N, C-alpha and C. Protein backbone atom coordinates (compact mmCIF):
# COMPACT_ATOMS: atom_id res chain seq x y z
N MET A 1 0.84 -1.20 0.00
CA MET A 1 0.00 0.00 0.00
C MET A 1 0.88 1.24 0.00
N GLU A 2 0.57 2.19 -0.87
CA GLU A 2 1.38 3.40 -0.98
C GLU A 2 1.13 4.35 0.18
N SER A 3 2.20 5.01 0.63
CA SER A 3 2.07 6.00 1.69
C SER A 3 1.47 7.28 1.13
N SER A 4 1.12 8.21 2.02
CA SER A 4 0.56 9.49 1.58
C SER A 4 1.57 10.26 0.74
N ARG A 5 2.83 10.20 1.13
CA ARG A 5 3.89 10.85 0.34
C ARG A 5 3.94 10.28 -1.08
N GLN A 6 3.91 8.97 -1.18
CA GLN A 6 3.96 8.32 -2.49
C GLN A 6 2.73 8.67 -3.33
N LEU A 7 1.57 8.77 -2.68
CA LEU A 7 0.36 9.13 -3.40
C LEU A 7 0.42 10.55 -3.91
N ILE A 8 1.01 11.46 -3.13
CA ILE A 8 1.17 12.85 -3.58
C ILE A 8 2.08 12.89 -4.81
N LEU A 9 3.19 12.19 -4.75
CA LEU A 9 4.11 12.16 -5.88
C LEU A 9 3.45 11.56 -7.12
N ARG A 10 2.68 10.49 -6.90
CA ARG A 10 2.00 9.85 -8.04
C ARG A 10 0.96 10.80 -8.64
N ARG A 11 0.22 11.50 -7.79
CA ARG A 11 -0.79 12.45 -8.28
C ARG A 11 -0.13 13.55 -9.11
N LEU A 12 0.98 14.08 -8.65
CA LEU A 12 1.67 15.14 -9.39
C LEU A 12 2.25 14.61 -10.70
N LYS A 13 2.68 13.35 -10.69
CA LYS A 13 3.21 12.75 -11.91
C LYS A 13 2.10 12.51 -12.93
N GLU A 14 0.96 11.99 -12.49
CA GLU A 14 -0.10 11.61 -13.40
C GLU A 14 -0.89 12.79 -13.94
N ARG A 15 -1.13 13.81 -13.08
CA ARG A 15 -2.03 14.89 -13.47
C ARG A 15 -1.38 16.27 -13.49
N GLY A 16 -0.13 16.34 -13.12
CA GLY A 16 0.55 17.62 -13.17
C GLY A 16 0.39 18.44 -11.90
N PRO A 17 0.77 19.72 -11.94
CA PRO A 17 0.76 20.60 -10.76
C PRO A 17 -0.60 20.63 -10.06
N ALA A 18 -0.58 20.78 -8.73
CA ALA A 18 -1.81 20.78 -7.94
C ALA A 18 -1.64 21.67 -6.72
N THR A 19 -2.77 22.18 -6.23
CA THR A 19 -2.77 22.96 -5.00
C THR A 19 -2.89 22.01 -3.80
N ILE A 20 -2.72 22.57 -2.61
CA ILE A 20 -2.89 21.77 -1.40
C ILE A 20 -4.31 21.25 -1.31
N ALA A 21 -5.29 22.11 -1.64
CA ALA A 21 -6.70 21.69 -1.57
C ALA A 21 -6.97 20.53 -2.54
N GLU A 22 -6.41 20.61 -3.74
CA GLU A 22 -6.62 19.54 -4.72
C GLU A 22 -5.97 18.23 -4.26
N LEU A 23 -4.80 18.34 -3.67
CA LEU A 23 -4.12 17.14 -3.17
C LEU A 23 -4.87 16.55 -1.97
N ALA A 24 -5.41 17.43 -1.12
CA ALA A 24 -6.16 16.96 0.04
C ALA A 24 -7.42 16.21 -0.40
N GLU A 25 -8.09 16.73 -1.43
CA GLU A 25 -9.28 16.06 -1.96
C GLU A 25 -8.90 14.71 -2.56
N TYR A 26 -7.79 14.67 -3.27
CA TYR A 26 -7.34 13.43 -3.91
C TYR A 26 -7.03 12.36 -2.87
N LEU A 27 -6.37 12.76 -1.77
CA LEU A 27 -5.98 11.80 -0.74
C LEU A 27 -7.11 11.53 0.25
N GLY A 28 -8.07 12.45 0.32
CA GLY A 28 -9.13 12.30 1.31
C GLY A 28 -8.67 12.59 2.72
N VAL A 29 -7.77 13.56 2.85
CA VAL A 29 -7.24 13.93 4.17
C VAL A 29 -7.34 15.44 4.34
N ALA A 30 -7.00 15.92 5.52
CA ALA A 30 -7.06 17.35 5.80
C ALA A 30 -5.92 18.08 5.10
N PRO A 31 -6.15 19.33 4.66
CA PRO A 31 -5.08 20.12 4.04
C PRO A 31 -3.83 20.23 4.90
N MET A 32 -4.02 20.29 6.23
CA MET A 32 -2.85 20.38 7.12
C MET A 32 -1.96 19.16 6.99
N THR A 33 -2.55 17.99 6.79
CA THR A 33 -1.78 16.76 6.61
C THR A 33 -0.98 16.81 5.31
N VAL A 34 -1.62 17.30 4.25
CA VAL A 34 -0.94 17.44 2.96
C VAL A 34 0.22 18.42 3.08
N ARG A 35 -0.04 19.54 3.78
CA ARG A 35 1.02 20.54 3.94
C ARG A 35 2.23 19.94 4.66
N HIS A 36 1.98 19.11 5.65
CA HIS A 36 3.07 18.46 6.39
C HIS A 36 3.92 17.60 5.46
N HIS A 37 3.26 16.80 4.63
CA HIS A 37 4.00 15.93 3.70
C HIS A 37 4.73 16.76 2.65
N LEU A 38 4.09 17.81 2.17
CA LEU A 38 4.73 18.66 1.16
C LEU A 38 5.98 19.34 1.71
N ASN A 39 5.94 19.75 2.97
CA ASN A 39 7.13 20.38 3.56
C ASN A 39 8.31 19.42 3.54
N GLY A 40 8.04 18.14 3.81
CA GLY A 40 9.10 17.16 3.75
C GLY A 40 9.61 16.94 2.34
N LEU A 41 8.69 16.88 1.37
CA LEU A 41 9.07 16.68 -0.03
C LEU A 41 9.82 17.90 -0.57
N LEU A 42 9.43 19.09 -0.12
CA LEU A 42 10.16 20.31 -0.52
C LEU A 42 11.58 20.28 0.02
N ALA A 43 11.72 19.89 1.28
CA ALA A 43 13.05 19.84 1.91
C ALA A 43 13.96 18.84 1.20
N GLU A 44 13.39 17.76 0.68
CA GLU A 44 14.17 16.74 -0.02
C GLU A 44 14.39 17.08 -1.48
N GLY A 45 13.82 18.19 -1.95
CA GLY A 45 14.02 18.60 -3.33
C GLY A 45 13.23 17.78 -4.34
N LEU A 46 12.18 17.11 -3.88
CA LEU A 46 11.39 16.26 -4.78
C LEU A 46 10.22 17.01 -5.41
N VAL A 47 9.78 18.07 -4.75
CA VAL A 47 8.72 18.92 -5.31
C VAL A 47 9.15 20.37 -5.17
N GLU A 48 8.51 21.24 -5.93
CA GLU A 48 8.74 22.67 -5.84
C GLU A 48 7.41 23.38 -5.95
N SER A 49 7.34 24.61 -5.44
CA SER A 49 6.09 25.36 -5.46
C SER A 49 6.22 26.58 -6.36
N GLN A 50 5.09 27.03 -6.86
CA GLN A 50 5.06 28.20 -7.73
C GLN A 50 3.68 28.85 -7.63
N THR A 51 3.66 30.17 -7.58
CA THR A 51 2.41 30.89 -7.56
C THR A 51 1.97 31.16 -9.00
N VAL A 52 0.74 30.75 -9.32
CA VAL A 52 0.24 30.92 -10.69
C VAL A 52 -1.10 31.67 -10.64
N ARG A 53 -1.35 32.42 -11.68
CA ARG A 53 -2.62 33.14 -11.80
C ARG A 53 -3.62 32.26 -12.55
N ARG A 54 -4.82 32.22 -12.04
CA ARG A 54 -5.88 31.46 -12.68
C ARG A 54 -6.94 32.40 -13.23
N HIS A 55 -7.90 31.85 -13.99
CA HIS A 55 -8.88 32.67 -14.67
C HIS A 55 -9.71 33.49 -13.69
N VAL A 56 -10.02 32.91 -12.55
CA VAL A 56 -10.81 33.62 -11.54
C VAL A 56 -10.14 33.47 -10.19
N GLY A 57 -10.43 34.43 -9.30
CA GLY A 57 -9.91 34.35 -7.95
C GLY A 57 -8.46 34.81 -7.83
N ARG A 58 -7.94 34.63 -6.64
CA ARG A 58 -6.57 35.05 -6.35
C ARG A 58 -5.55 34.05 -6.92
N PRO A 59 -4.29 34.49 -7.07
CA PRO A 59 -3.25 33.55 -7.52
C PRO A 59 -3.19 32.36 -6.57
N ALA A 60 -2.86 31.20 -7.12
CA ALA A 60 -2.82 29.97 -6.33
C ALA A 60 -1.40 29.44 -6.23
N LEU A 61 -1.10 28.84 -5.07
CA LEU A 61 0.20 28.19 -4.87
C LEU A 61 0.06 26.73 -5.31
N VAL A 62 0.80 26.37 -6.34
CA VAL A 62 0.72 25.00 -6.85
C VAL A 62 2.06 24.30 -6.65
N PHE A 63 2.00 22.98 -6.60
CA PHE A 63 3.18 22.16 -6.39
C PHE A 63 3.37 21.23 -7.58
N ARG A 64 4.63 21.03 -7.97
CA ARG A 64 4.96 20.17 -9.09
C ARG A 64 6.22 19.37 -8.76
N LEU A 65 6.45 18.31 -9.50
CA LEU A 65 7.64 17.50 -9.31
C LEU A 65 8.88 18.25 -9.82
N THR A 66 9.98 18.11 -9.11
CA THR A 66 11.27 18.58 -9.61
C THR A 66 11.87 17.48 -10.49
N GLU A 67 13.03 17.77 -11.07
CA GLU A 67 13.72 16.74 -11.85
C GLU A 67 14.04 15.52 -10.99
N ALA A 68 14.44 15.78 -9.73
CA ALA A 68 14.74 14.67 -8.82
C ALA A 68 13.48 13.86 -8.53
N GLY A 69 12.33 14.54 -8.42
CA GLY A 69 11.08 13.84 -8.21
C GLY A 69 10.69 12.99 -9.40
N GLU A 70 10.93 13.53 -10.59
CA GLU A 70 10.63 12.77 -11.82
C GLU A 70 11.46 11.50 -11.89
N GLU A 71 12.69 11.56 -11.41
CA GLU A 71 13.58 10.41 -11.50
C GLU A 71 13.18 9.27 -10.57
N LEU A 72 12.23 9.51 -9.66
CA LEU A 72 11.76 8.44 -8.79
C LEU A 72 10.92 7.42 -9.54
N PHE A 73 10.42 7.81 -10.70
CA PHE A 73 9.54 6.94 -11.45
C PHE A 73 10.33 6.16 -12.50
N PRO A 74 9.88 4.96 -12.83
CA PRO A 74 10.65 4.10 -13.75
C PRO A 74 10.88 4.76 -15.10
N HIS A 75 12.08 4.58 -15.62
CA HIS A 75 12.42 5.05 -16.96
C HIS A 75 13.10 3.90 -17.71
N ARG A 76 13.16 4.03 -19.00
CA ARG A 76 13.80 3.01 -19.82
C ARG A 76 15.05 3.56 -20.51
N TYR A 77 15.64 4.61 -19.90
CA TYR A 77 16.79 5.24 -20.53
C TYR A 77 17.93 4.26 -20.74
N LEU A 78 18.21 3.45 -19.69
CA LEU A 78 19.35 2.54 -19.79
C LEU A 78 19.15 1.53 -20.91
N ARG A 79 17.95 0.95 -20.98
CA ARG A 79 17.69 -0.06 -22.01
C ARG A 79 17.80 0.56 -23.40
N LEU A 80 17.21 1.75 -23.57
CA LEU A 80 17.25 2.40 -24.87
C LEU A 80 18.68 2.77 -25.25
N THR A 81 19.43 3.33 -24.29
CA THR A 81 20.82 3.72 -24.57
C THR A 81 21.65 2.51 -24.93
N ASP A 82 21.44 1.41 -24.20
CA ASP A 82 22.18 0.19 -24.48
C ASP A 82 21.89 -0.31 -25.89
N ARG A 83 20.65 -0.29 -26.30
CA ARG A 83 20.29 -0.76 -27.63
C ARG A 83 20.87 0.15 -28.72
N LEU A 84 20.83 1.45 -28.47
CA LEU A 84 21.39 2.39 -29.44
C LEU A 84 22.88 2.15 -29.63
N LEU A 85 23.59 1.97 -28.52
CA LEU A 85 25.03 1.74 -28.61
C LEU A 85 25.34 0.41 -29.28
N GLU A 86 24.54 -0.59 -29.00
CA GLU A 86 24.74 -1.89 -29.65
C GLU A 86 24.58 -1.77 -31.16
N GLU A 87 23.57 -1.03 -31.59
CA GLU A 87 23.34 -0.83 -33.02
C GLU A 87 24.49 -0.04 -33.65
N LEU A 88 24.95 1.00 -32.96
CA LEU A 88 26.05 1.80 -33.49
C LEU A 88 27.31 0.97 -33.63
N LYS A 89 27.62 0.19 -32.61
CA LYS A 89 28.85 -0.60 -32.61
C LYS A 89 28.79 -1.74 -33.62
N ALA A 90 27.58 -2.14 -33.98
CA ALA A 90 27.44 -3.21 -34.98
C ALA A 90 27.60 -2.69 -36.40
N THR A 91 27.48 -1.37 -36.58
CA THR A 91 27.52 -0.80 -37.94
C THR A 91 28.65 0.21 -38.15
N ILE A 92 29.27 0.68 -37.07
CA ILE A 92 30.29 1.73 -37.19
C ILE A 92 31.61 1.21 -36.63
N PRO A 93 32.74 1.49 -37.28
CA PRO A 93 34.05 1.06 -36.76
C PRO A 93 34.32 1.61 -35.37
N PRO A 94 35.05 0.87 -34.53
CA PRO A 94 35.33 1.30 -33.15
C PRO A 94 35.96 2.68 -33.07
N GLN A 95 36.85 3.01 -34.00
CA GLN A 95 37.51 4.31 -33.93
C GLN A 95 36.52 5.46 -34.16
N VAL A 96 35.48 5.18 -34.92
CA VAL A 96 34.45 6.21 -35.14
C VAL A 96 33.63 6.40 -33.87
N ILE A 97 33.33 5.30 -33.18
CA ILE A 97 32.61 5.39 -31.90
C ILE A 97 33.42 6.22 -30.91
N GLU A 98 34.72 5.94 -30.84
CA GLU A 98 35.59 6.72 -29.95
C GLU A 98 35.57 8.19 -30.32
N ALA A 99 35.59 8.48 -31.61
CA ALA A 99 35.58 9.87 -32.07
C ALA A 99 34.27 10.57 -31.70
N ILE A 100 33.17 9.83 -31.74
CA ILE A 100 31.87 10.41 -31.38
C ILE A 100 31.86 10.82 -29.91
N PHE A 101 32.33 9.93 -29.04
CA PHE A 101 32.36 10.26 -27.62
C PHE A 101 33.34 11.39 -27.34
N ALA A 102 34.46 11.40 -28.04
CA ALA A 102 35.43 12.49 -27.87
C ALA A 102 34.81 13.83 -28.27
N GLN A 103 34.04 13.82 -29.36
CA GLN A 103 33.40 15.05 -29.81
C GLN A 103 32.32 15.50 -28.84
N MET A 104 31.60 14.55 -28.26
CA MET A 104 30.60 14.90 -27.25
C MET A 104 31.25 15.60 -26.06
N ALA A 105 32.38 15.06 -25.61
CA ALA A 105 33.10 15.68 -24.50
C ALA A 105 33.59 17.07 -24.89
N GLN A 106 34.07 17.21 -26.13
CA GLN A 106 34.54 18.51 -26.60
C GLN A 106 33.40 19.52 -26.61
N ASP A 107 32.24 19.11 -27.08
CA ASP A 107 31.10 20.01 -27.16
C ASP A 107 30.65 20.47 -25.78
N MET A 108 30.58 19.53 -24.83
CA MET A 108 30.19 19.90 -23.47
C MET A 108 31.26 20.77 -22.82
N ALA A 109 32.52 20.44 -23.09
CA ALA A 109 33.62 21.19 -22.48
C ALA A 109 33.68 22.61 -23.01
N ALA A 110 33.26 22.83 -24.26
CA ALA A 110 33.32 24.17 -24.85
C ALA A 110 32.52 25.16 -24.01
N ASP A 111 31.34 24.74 -23.56
CA ASP A 111 30.52 25.62 -22.73
C ASP A 111 31.17 25.84 -21.37
N TYR A 112 31.69 24.77 -20.77
CA TYR A 112 32.34 24.89 -19.46
C TYR A 112 33.58 25.78 -19.54
N ARG A 113 34.38 25.59 -20.59
CA ARG A 113 35.61 26.37 -20.72
C ARG A 113 35.29 27.85 -20.82
N GLU A 114 34.24 28.18 -21.53
CA GLU A 114 33.86 29.59 -21.66
C GLU A 114 33.46 30.18 -20.32
N ARG A 115 32.78 29.38 -19.50
CA ARG A 115 32.34 29.84 -18.19
C ARG A 115 33.48 29.96 -17.19
N LEU A 116 34.55 29.16 -17.39
CA LEU A 116 35.63 29.11 -16.41
C LEU A 116 36.92 29.77 -16.88
N ALA A 117 36.96 30.24 -18.12
CA ALA A 117 38.21 30.71 -18.72
C ALA A 117 38.87 31.84 -17.93
N HIS A 118 38.09 32.68 -17.27
CA HIS A 118 38.65 33.84 -16.58
C HIS A 118 39.24 33.50 -15.22
N LEU A 119 39.06 32.26 -14.75
CA LEU A 119 39.49 31.87 -13.41
C LEU A 119 40.93 31.38 -13.40
N PRO A 120 41.67 31.64 -12.30
CA PRO A 120 42.98 30.99 -12.11
C PRO A 120 42.79 29.47 -12.10
N PHE A 121 43.87 28.73 -12.35
CA PHE A 121 43.75 27.30 -12.56
C PHE A 121 43.09 26.58 -11.38
N GLU A 122 43.52 26.85 -10.17
CA GLU A 122 42.98 26.13 -9.03
C GLU A 122 41.50 26.42 -8.84
N GLU A 123 41.10 27.66 -9.05
CA GLU A 123 39.68 27.99 -8.97
C GLU A 123 38.90 27.32 -10.09
N ARG A 124 39.56 27.12 -11.23
CA ARG A 124 38.92 26.42 -12.34
C ARG A 124 38.67 24.96 -11.97
N VAL A 125 39.63 24.35 -11.27
CA VAL A 125 39.46 22.97 -10.82
C VAL A 125 38.26 22.88 -9.88
N ALA A 126 38.19 23.81 -8.93
CA ALA A 126 37.09 23.80 -7.96
C ALA A 126 35.74 24.00 -8.65
N ALA A 127 35.71 24.93 -9.61
CA ALA A 127 34.46 25.18 -10.34
C ALA A 127 34.07 23.97 -11.19
N LEU A 128 35.06 23.30 -11.78
CA LEU A 128 34.78 22.11 -12.57
C LEU A 128 34.17 21.01 -11.70
N VAL A 129 34.66 20.87 -10.48
CA VAL A 129 34.11 19.87 -9.57
C VAL A 129 32.64 20.18 -9.28
N ASP A 130 32.30 21.45 -9.12
CA ASP A 130 30.90 21.82 -8.91
C ASP A 130 30.06 21.44 -10.13
N LEU A 131 30.60 21.68 -11.31
CA LEU A 131 29.87 21.35 -12.54
C LEU A 131 29.70 19.84 -12.68
N LEU A 132 30.74 19.09 -12.33
CA LEU A 132 30.64 17.63 -12.37
C LEU A 132 29.57 17.15 -11.38
N GLY A 133 29.48 17.84 -10.24
CA GLY A 133 28.44 17.51 -9.28
C GLY A 133 27.05 17.68 -9.86
N GLU A 134 26.88 18.74 -10.65
CA GLU A 134 25.59 18.97 -11.31
C GLU A 134 25.27 17.85 -12.29
N GLU A 135 26.31 17.23 -12.86
CA GLU A 135 26.10 16.12 -13.79
C GLU A 135 25.90 14.79 -13.08
N GLY A 136 26.06 14.79 -11.74
CA GLY A 136 25.81 13.57 -10.97
C GLY A 136 27.04 12.79 -10.56
N PHE A 137 28.24 13.39 -10.67
CA PHE A 137 29.47 12.63 -10.39
C PHE A 137 29.89 12.63 -8.92
N MET A 138 29.33 13.52 -8.08
CA MET A 138 29.72 13.60 -6.66
C MET A 138 31.25 13.68 -6.54
N ALA A 139 31.82 14.75 -7.01
CA ALA A 139 33.28 14.86 -7.09
C ALA A 139 33.86 15.80 -6.03
N ARG A 140 35.13 15.63 -5.76
CA ARG A 140 35.89 16.57 -4.92
C ARG A 140 37.32 16.60 -5.43
N TRP A 141 38.09 17.60 -5.00
CA TRP A 141 39.46 17.73 -5.46
C TRP A 141 40.38 18.05 -4.29
N GLU A 142 41.68 17.81 -4.49
CA GLU A 142 42.70 18.15 -3.51
C GLU A 142 44.04 18.27 -4.23
N ARG A 143 44.95 18.95 -3.61
CA ARG A 143 46.30 19.04 -4.16
C ARG A 143 47.01 17.70 -4.00
N ALA A 144 47.83 17.38 -4.96
CA ALA A 144 48.58 16.12 -4.92
C ALA A 144 50.02 16.38 -5.30
N GLU A 145 50.84 15.34 -5.19
CA GLU A 145 52.28 15.49 -5.42
C GLU A 145 52.57 15.97 -6.84
N ARG A 146 51.85 15.46 -7.82
CA ARG A 146 52.13 15.80 -9.22
C ARG A 146 51.18 16.87 -9.77
N GLY A 147 50.32 17.40 -8.93
CA GLY A 147 49.39 18.42 -9.40
C GLY A 147 48.14 18.43 -8.54
N TYR A 148 47.05 17.87 -9.07
CA TYR A 148 45.78 17.83 -8.35
C TYR A 148 45.17 16.44 -8.50
N ARG A 149 44.45 16.01 -7.47
CA ARG A 149 43.74 14.75 -7.53
C ARG A 149 42.25 15.06 -7.51
N LEU A 150 41.52 14.51 -8.48
CA LEU A 150 40.09 14.68 -8.55
C LEU A 150 39.44 13.31 -8.34
N THR A 151 38.50 13.25 -7.41
CA THR A 151 37.85 11.98 -7.06
C THR A 151 36.36 12.06 -7.34
N GLU A 152 35.84 11.03 -7.99
CA GLU A 152 34.40 10.91 -8.26
C GLU A 152 33.86 9.72 -7.48
N TYR A 153 32.90 9.96 -6.59
CA TYR A 153 32.35 8.89 -5.76
C TYR A 153 31.10 8.26 -6.38
N ASN A 154 30.62 8.87 -7.44
CA ASN A 154 29.47 8.32 -8.15
C ASN A 154 29.65 8.55 -9.64
N CYS A 155 29.19 7.61 -10.45
CA CYS A 155 29.23 7.78 -11.90
C CYS A 155 27.82 7.60 -12.44
N PRO A 156 27.22 8.64 -13.02
CA PRO A 156 25.86 8.52 -13.56
C PRO A 156 25.78 7.58 -14.76
N TYR A 157 26.95 7.21 -15.32
CA TYR A 157 26.98 6.33 -16.49
C TYR A 157 27.45 4.92 -16.14
N PHE A 158 27.45 4.60 -14.82
CA PHE A 158 28.07 3.35 -14.38
C PHE A 158 27.46 2.12 -15.05
N HIS A 159 26.13 2.03 -15.06
CA HIS A 159 25.49 0.81 -15.58
C HIS A 159 25.71 0.66 -17.08
N ILE A 160 25.66 1.77 -17.82
CA ILE A 160 25.94 1.71 -19.25
C ILE A 160 27.42 1.40 -19.47
N GLY A 161 28.29 1.99 -18.65
CA GLY A 161 29.72 1.77 -18.79
C GLY A 161 30.13 0.32 -18.59
N GLN A 162 29.34 -0.44 -17.83
CA GLN A 162 29.66 -1.85 -17.63
C GLN A 162 29.62 -2.63 -18.94
N ARG A 163 28.73 -2.24 -19.84
CA ARG A 163 28.61 -2.92 -21.13
C ARG A 163 29.32 -2.18 -22.25
N HIS A 164 29.53 -0.88 -22.05
CA HIS A 164 30.15 -0.07 -23.09
C HIS A 164 31.23 0.82 -22.46
N PRO A 165 32.43 0.28 -22.30
CA PRO A 165 33.50 1.02 -21.61
C PRO A 165 33.89 2.32 -22.30
N GLU A 166 33.49 2.50 -23.57
CA GLU A 166 33.79 3.77 -24.24
C GLU A 166 33.20 4.94 -23.46
N VAL A 167 32.04 4.70 -22.83
CA VAL A 167 31.37 5.75 -22.06
C VAL A 167 32.23 6.17 -20.87
N CYS A 168 32.99 5.21 -20.34
CA CYS A 168 33.78 5.47 -19.14
C CYS A 168 34.87 6.50 -19.37
N ARG A 169 35.29 6.68 -20.60
CA ARG A 169 36.37 7.64 -20.88
C ARG A 169 35.85 9.05 -21.11
N PHE A 170 34.53 9.18 -21.07
CA PHE A 170 33.92 10.47 -21.36
C PHE A 170 34.34 11.55 -20.35
N ASP A 171 34.23 11.24 -19.04
CA ASP A 171 34.54 12.26 -18.04
C ASP A 171 36.02 12.62 -18.03
N GLN A 172 36.90 11.64 -18.30
CA GLN A 172 38.34 11.96 -18.36
C GLN A 172 38.62 12.95 -19.48
N SER A 173 38.02 12.72 -20.64
CA SER A 173 38.20 13.65 -21.75
C SER A 173 37.62 15.02 -21.42
N LEU A 174 36.48 15.03 -20.74
CA LEU A 174 35.86 16.29 -20.36
C LEU A 174 36.75 17.09 -19.42
N ILE A 175 37.28 16.43 -18.39
CA ILE A 175 38.15 17.10 -17.42
C ILE A 175 39.38 17.66 -18.10
N SER A 176 40.03 16.85 -18.94
CA SER A 176 41.25 17.28 -19.62
C SER A 176 40.99 18.46 -20.53
N THR A 177 39.86 18.43 -21.24
CA THR A 177 39.56 19.50 -22.19
C THR A 177 39.22 20.79 -21.48
N VAL A 178 38.41 20.72 -20.44
CA VAL A 178 38.02 21.93 -19.71
C VAL A 178 39.22 22.60 -19.07
N LEU A 179 40.11 21.80 -18.49
CA LEU A 179 41.27 22.37 -17.79
C LEU A 179 42.46 22.58 -18.71
N ASP A 180 42.36 22.05 -19.94
CA ASP A 180 43.47 22.16 -20.90
C ASP A 180 44.75 21.63 -20.26
N ALA A 181 44.66 20.42 -19.69
CA ALA A 181 45.78 19.81 -18.98
C ALA A 181 45.73 18.30 -19.13
N PRO A 182 46.90 17.63 -19.09
CA PRO A 182 46.92 16.16 -19.14
C PRO A 182 46.26 15.58 -17.90
N VAL A 183 45.47 14.52 -18.09
CA VAL A 183 44.76 13.89 -16.98
C VAL A 183 44.95 12.38 -17.07
N GLU A 184 45.40 11.77 -15.96
CA GLU A 184 45.55 10.32 -15.88
C GLU A 184 44.47 9.76 -14.98
N LYS A 185 43.88 8.62 -15.39
CA LYS A 185 42.89 7.95 -14.55
C LYS A 185 43.59 6.88 -13.74
N ASP A 186 43.51 6.98 -12.41
CA ASP A 186 44.25 6.08 -11.53
C ASP A 186 43.41 4.91 -11.04
N THR A 187 42.16 5.15 -10.69
CA THR A 187 41.26 4.09 -10.26
C THR A 187 39.92 4.27 -10.96
N CYS A 188 39.12 3.19 -10.99
CA CYS A 188 37.85 3.25 -11.72
C CYS A 188 36.81 2.37 -11.04
N LEU A 189 35.60 2.89 -10.91
CA LEU A 189 34.50 2.11 -10.34
C LEU A 189 34.25 0.83 -11.12
N LEU A 190 34.43 0.89 -12.43
CA LEU A 190 34.19 -0.29 -13.27
C LEU A 190 35.19 -1.40 -13.01
N ASN A 191 36.34 -1.05 -12.43
CA ASN A 191 37.36 -2.05 -12.11
C ASN A 191 37.20 -2.60 -10.70
N GLY A 192 36.13 -2.20 -10.03
CA GLY A 192 35.89 -2.67 -8.67
C GLY A 192 36.43 -1.73 -7.60
N ASP A 193 37.00 -0.60 -8.00
CA ASP A 193 37.49 0.37 -7.02
C ASP A 193 36.31 1.10 -6.38
N SER A 194 36.55 1.71 -5.23
CA SER A 194 35.48 2.39 -4.51
C SER A 194 35.13 3.74 -5.11
N CYS A 195 35.98 4.24 -5.99
CA CYS A 195 35.74 5.53 -6.62
C CYS A 195 36.61 5.65 -7.86
N CYS A 196 36.35 6.67 -8.66
CA CYS A 196 37.21 6.99 -9.80
C CYS A 196 38.11 8.15 -9.39
N THR A 197 39.42 8.00 -9.58
CA THR A 197 40.34 9.08 -9.25
C THR A 197 41.17 9.46 -10.47
N PHE A 198 41.46 10.74 -10.58
CA PHE A 198 42.23 11.27 -11.69
C PHE A 198 43.35 12.15 -11.16
N THR A 199 44.49 12.07 -11.80
CA THR A 199 45.60 12.98 -11.50
C THR A 199 45.68 14.02 -12.61
N ILE A 200 45.56 15.27 -12.22
CA ILE A 200 45.68 16.39 -13.16
C ILE A 200 47.12 16.89 -13.06
N GLN A 201 47.88 16.70 -14.11
CA GLN A 201 49.31 17.01 -14.08
C GLN A 201 49.53 18.49 -14.38
N VAL A 202 50.32 19.14 -13.53
CA VAL A 202 50.54 20.57 -13.70
C VAL A 202 51.83 20.88 -14.44
N GLU A 203 52.67 19.87 -14.68
CA GLU A 203 53.96 20.16 -15.32
C GLU A 203 53.78 20.77 -16.70
N ALA A 204 52.71 20.33 -17.41
CA ALA A 204 52.52 20.80 -18.79
C ALA A 204 51.61 22.02 -18.87
N ILE A 205 51.27 22.59 -17.70
CA ILE A 205 50.36 23.72 -17.70
C ILE A 205 51.17 25.01 -17.64
N SER A 206 50.68 26.03 -18.34
CA SER A 206 51.36 27.32 -18.34
C SER A 206 51.46 27.87 -16.92
N PRO A 207 52.63 28.34 -16.49
CA PRO A 207 52.79 28.87 -15.13
C PRO A 207 51.85 30.02 -14.84
N ASP A 208 51.41 30.76 -15.85
CA ASP A 208 50.53 31.89 -15.63
C ASP A 208 49.18 31.46 -15.10
N THR A 209 48.79 30.21 -15.32
CA THR A 209 47.46 29.75 -14.90
C THR A 209 47.46 29.09 -13.54
N LEU A 210 48.65 28.84 -12.97
CA LEU A 210 48.74 28.13 -11.71
C LEU A 210 48.62 29.10 -10.54
N PRO A 211 48.18 28.59 -9.35
CA PRO A 211 48.11 29.44 -8.18
C PRO A 211 49.48 29.89 -7.73
N ILE A 212 49.57 31.08 -7.16
CA ILE A 212 50.86 31.61 -6.67
C ILE A 212 51.20 30.96 -5.34
N LYS A 213 52.38 30.37 -5.25
CA LYS A 213 52.78 29.71 -4.02
C LYS A 213 53.30 30.74 -3.04
N SER A 214 52.90 30.58 -1.79
CA SER A 214 53.35 31.51 -0.75
C SER A 214 54.72 31.10 -0.21
């Protein structure tokens, strides 16, 4: 049996944005009970609120699913992506597949590089980690003996990467292109490691872009 929270999420998924009164009627409970559940869902980032004007009466506060809320429901992205890659690999030479993924990384990196170009190198690394976080990588960085170490504790492409390792090289190419620096991959989730780690080498980077040592 679904909980009240699950019923609220299902109602928003099936019928779109709703007011507290509409959700209360749907669940058959008091508006105060709905408000309590919505406060929890808002705090978890699963729903969001917006004031909208309607044809009659005062503006209404409506609630809708966020992207995170949408992801709670079943999708077939993995199956579709797997089939697409299987078809591509059956008809296109491996080097062309590699070139496609490299170009995808280049295209994504072009936007990131433009946003980070004005930053000193170390600040660029920190900003890149934030951007990787937005993509779902759960990353952090630290200084290392040969430059910088970047660690990813989650890979949004992990399940696809298990069958198509070409995908696994995507983030390495992205990091290297955005920072315009050589990047070595030291550990990988696909190899059974607890995280993916990369060494960003500073020897080949222009001294003008590096942080000033005290």
